[in-house]
Amino acid sequence: YKVGGPLIGASFDNEKGFYERIDIVLQNDEFMNKQGVYWSSNVINYDYEKALADKETKTITFDHGKPGLAFLNNPSNAPWLQKDPRMCITLKTWLKLMNNAPAVVFTYRHPLEVAMSLKK
């Protein structure tokens, strides 16, 4: 699978690396922050239609999202892989922007493992 880039690499809290596209992560943060939504709180209030409207009216910028969306919509990149936990929140927004319907793989991680990771 192609992932494109640039990717978030290793750091003190994840020595193996995050392998998330920086541009898509930053765009997801922008979609969510405009609505007072964060990966760790208030996710129930995310409105994908408002995010799309904010993009169209330029209430938010889509500067980070442009290269990521171009990658996802380029047929020569298929099959591609996009990893960003924020997609659990923003996926409906991206689906409206994509040229094709992706296959989605949901992975489950035990909540205790998540808590231990966040503590680290």
Protein backbone atom coordinates (compact mmCIF):
# COMPACT_ATOMS: atom_id res chain seq x y z
CA TYR A 1 0.00 0.00 0.00
CA LYS A 2 1.14 3.52 -0.73
CA VAL A 3 1.08 6.02 2.11
CA GLY A 4 2.67 9.07 0.54
CA GLY A 5 4.13 11.59 2.89
CA PRO A 6 5.52 13.36 4.74
CA LEU A 7 4.78 11.10 7.69
CA ILE A 8 5.03 11.71 11.41
CA GLY A 9 8.06 9.70 12.44
CA ALA A 10 9.38 8.40 15.72
CA SER A 11 9.45 10.43 18.91
CA PHE A 12 9.95 9.88 22.63
CA ASP A 13 6.38 8.61 23.06
CA ASN A 14 6.41 6.33 20.00
CA GLU A 15 9.84 5.02 19.10
CA LYS A 16 8.54 3.04 16.11
CA GLY A 17 6.88 6.09 14.56
CA PHE A 18 3.28 7.11 14.02
CA TYR A 19 3.22 6.66 10.22
CA GLU A 20 0.48 9.28 9.85
CA ARG A 21 0.48 11.83 7.03
CA ILE A 22 1.30 15.19 8.59
CA ASP A 23 -0.89 17.11 6.14
CA ILE A 24 -4.01 15.04 6.83
CA VAL A 25 -3.45 15.07 10.59
CA LEU A 26 -3.14 18.87 10.55
CA GLN A 27 -6.24 19.23 8.37
CA ASN A 28 -8.22 16.95 10.66
CA ASP A 29 -7.12 19.07 13.61
CA GLU A 30 -8.33 22.17 11.77
CA PHE A 31 -11.72 20.61 10.95
CA MET A 32 -12.18 19.60 14.58
CA ASN A 33 -10.71 22.64 16.35
CA LYS A 34 -13.07 24.98 14.51
CA GLN A 35 -15.94 23.10 16.15
CA GLY A 36 -14.35 22.83 19.61
CA VAL A 37 -13.75 19.12 19.06
CA TYR A 38 -10.52 17.36 20.01
CA TRP A 39 -9.36 13.76 19.61
CA SER A 40 -9.82 13.30 23.35
CA SER A 41 -13.01 15.25 24.02
CA ASN A 42 -16.31 16.48 22.62
CA VAL A 43 -16.13 14.18 19.56
CA ILE A 44 -19.89 13.61 19.62
CA ASN A 45 -20.36 17.24 18.53
CA TYR A 46 -18.38 16.96 15.29
CA ASP A 47 -20.56 17.90 12.33
CA TYR A 48 -19.14 16.80 8.99
CA GLU A 49 -21.56 19.02 7.06
CA LYS A 50 -20.39 22.07 9.02
CA ALA A 51 -16.78 21.12 8.29
CA LEU A 52 -17.57 20.94 4.57
CA ALA A 53 -19.38 24.28 4.71
CA ASP A 54 -16.44 25.83 6.60
CA LYS A 55 -14.12 24.56 3.87
CA GLU A 56 -16.32 25.89 1.06
CA THR A 57 -16.79 29.32 2.65
CA LYS A 58 -13.09 29.45 3.55
CA THR A 59 -13.99 29.87 7.23
CA ILE A 60 -11.16 27.38 7.68
CA THR A 61 -8.24 26.84 5.37
CA PHE A 62 -7.76 23.63 3.46
CA ASP A 63 -4.08 24.26 2.82
CA HIS A 64 -2.97 21.13 4.68
CA GLY A 65 -5.71 19.01 3.18
CA LYS A 66 -4.97 19.78 -0.48
CA PRO A 67 -1.88 17.59 -0.88
CA GLY A 68 -3.41 14.77 1.16
CA LEU A 69 -6.63 14.81 -0.85
CA ALA A 70 -4.70 14.97 -4.11
CA PHE A 71 -2.81 11.85 -3.03
CA LEU A 72 -6.00 10.01 -2.02
CA ASN A 73 -7.79 10.96 -5.25
CA ASN A 74 -4.93 10.00 -7.57
CA PRO A 75 -5.75 6.59 -9.10
CA SER A 76 -2.05 5.82 -9.61
CA ASN A 77 -1.66 5.73 -5.81
CA ALA A 78 -4.11 2.86 -5.42
CA PRO A 79 -4.15 0.93 -3.28
CA TRP A 80 -3.31 3.53 -0.67
CA LEU A 81 -3.28 3.45 3.09
CA GLN A 82 -4.26 6.36 5.31
CA LYS A 83 -3.69 6.08 9.04
CA ASP A 84 -4.92 8.77 11.39
CA PRO A 85 -7.07 8.00 14.44
CA ARG A 86 -8.83 11.35 13.89
CA MET A 87 -10.41 9.77 10.80
CA CYS A 88 -12.78 8.01 13.20
CA ILE A 89 -14.22 11.49 13.73
CA THR A 90 -13.73 13.20 10.36
CA LEU A 91 -14.18 10.35 7.88
CA LYS A 92 -17.60 11.54 6.64
CA THR A 93 -16.03 14.87 5.70
CA TRP A 94 -13.26 13.23 3.68
CA LEU A 95 -15.66 10.79 1.99
CA LYS A 96 -17.51 13.75 0.47
CA LEU A 97 -14.21 15.04 -0.95
CA MET A 98 -12.88 11.75 -2.34
CA ASN A 99 -13.40 10.52 -5.89
CA ASN A 100 -13.94 6.95 -4.77
CA ALA A 101 -15.16 4.99 -1.79
CA PRO A 102 -12.25 3.52 0.17
CA ALA A 103 -12.17 0.21 1.95
CA VAL A 104 -12.05 0.91 5.66
CA VAL A 105 -10.28 -1.35 8.12
CA PHE A 106 -11.22 -0.81 11.73
CA THR A 107 -8.71 -1.94 14.31
CA TYR A 108 -9.59 -2.43 17.92
CA ARG A 109 -7.20 -1.71 20.74
CA HIS A 110 -8.04 -2.62 24.30
CA PRO A 111 -8.87 0.55 26.30
CA LEU A 112 -6.28 -0.33 28.96
CA GLU A 113 -3.57 -0.44 26.27
CA VAL A 114 -4.73 2.99 25.05
CA ALA A 115 -4.63 4.40 28.57
CA MET A 116 -1.14 3.01 29.15
CA SER A 117 0.03 4.49 25.85
CA LEU A 118 -1.40 7.90 26.72
CA LYS A 119 0.24 7.75 30.15
CA LYS A 120 3.60 7.00 28.53
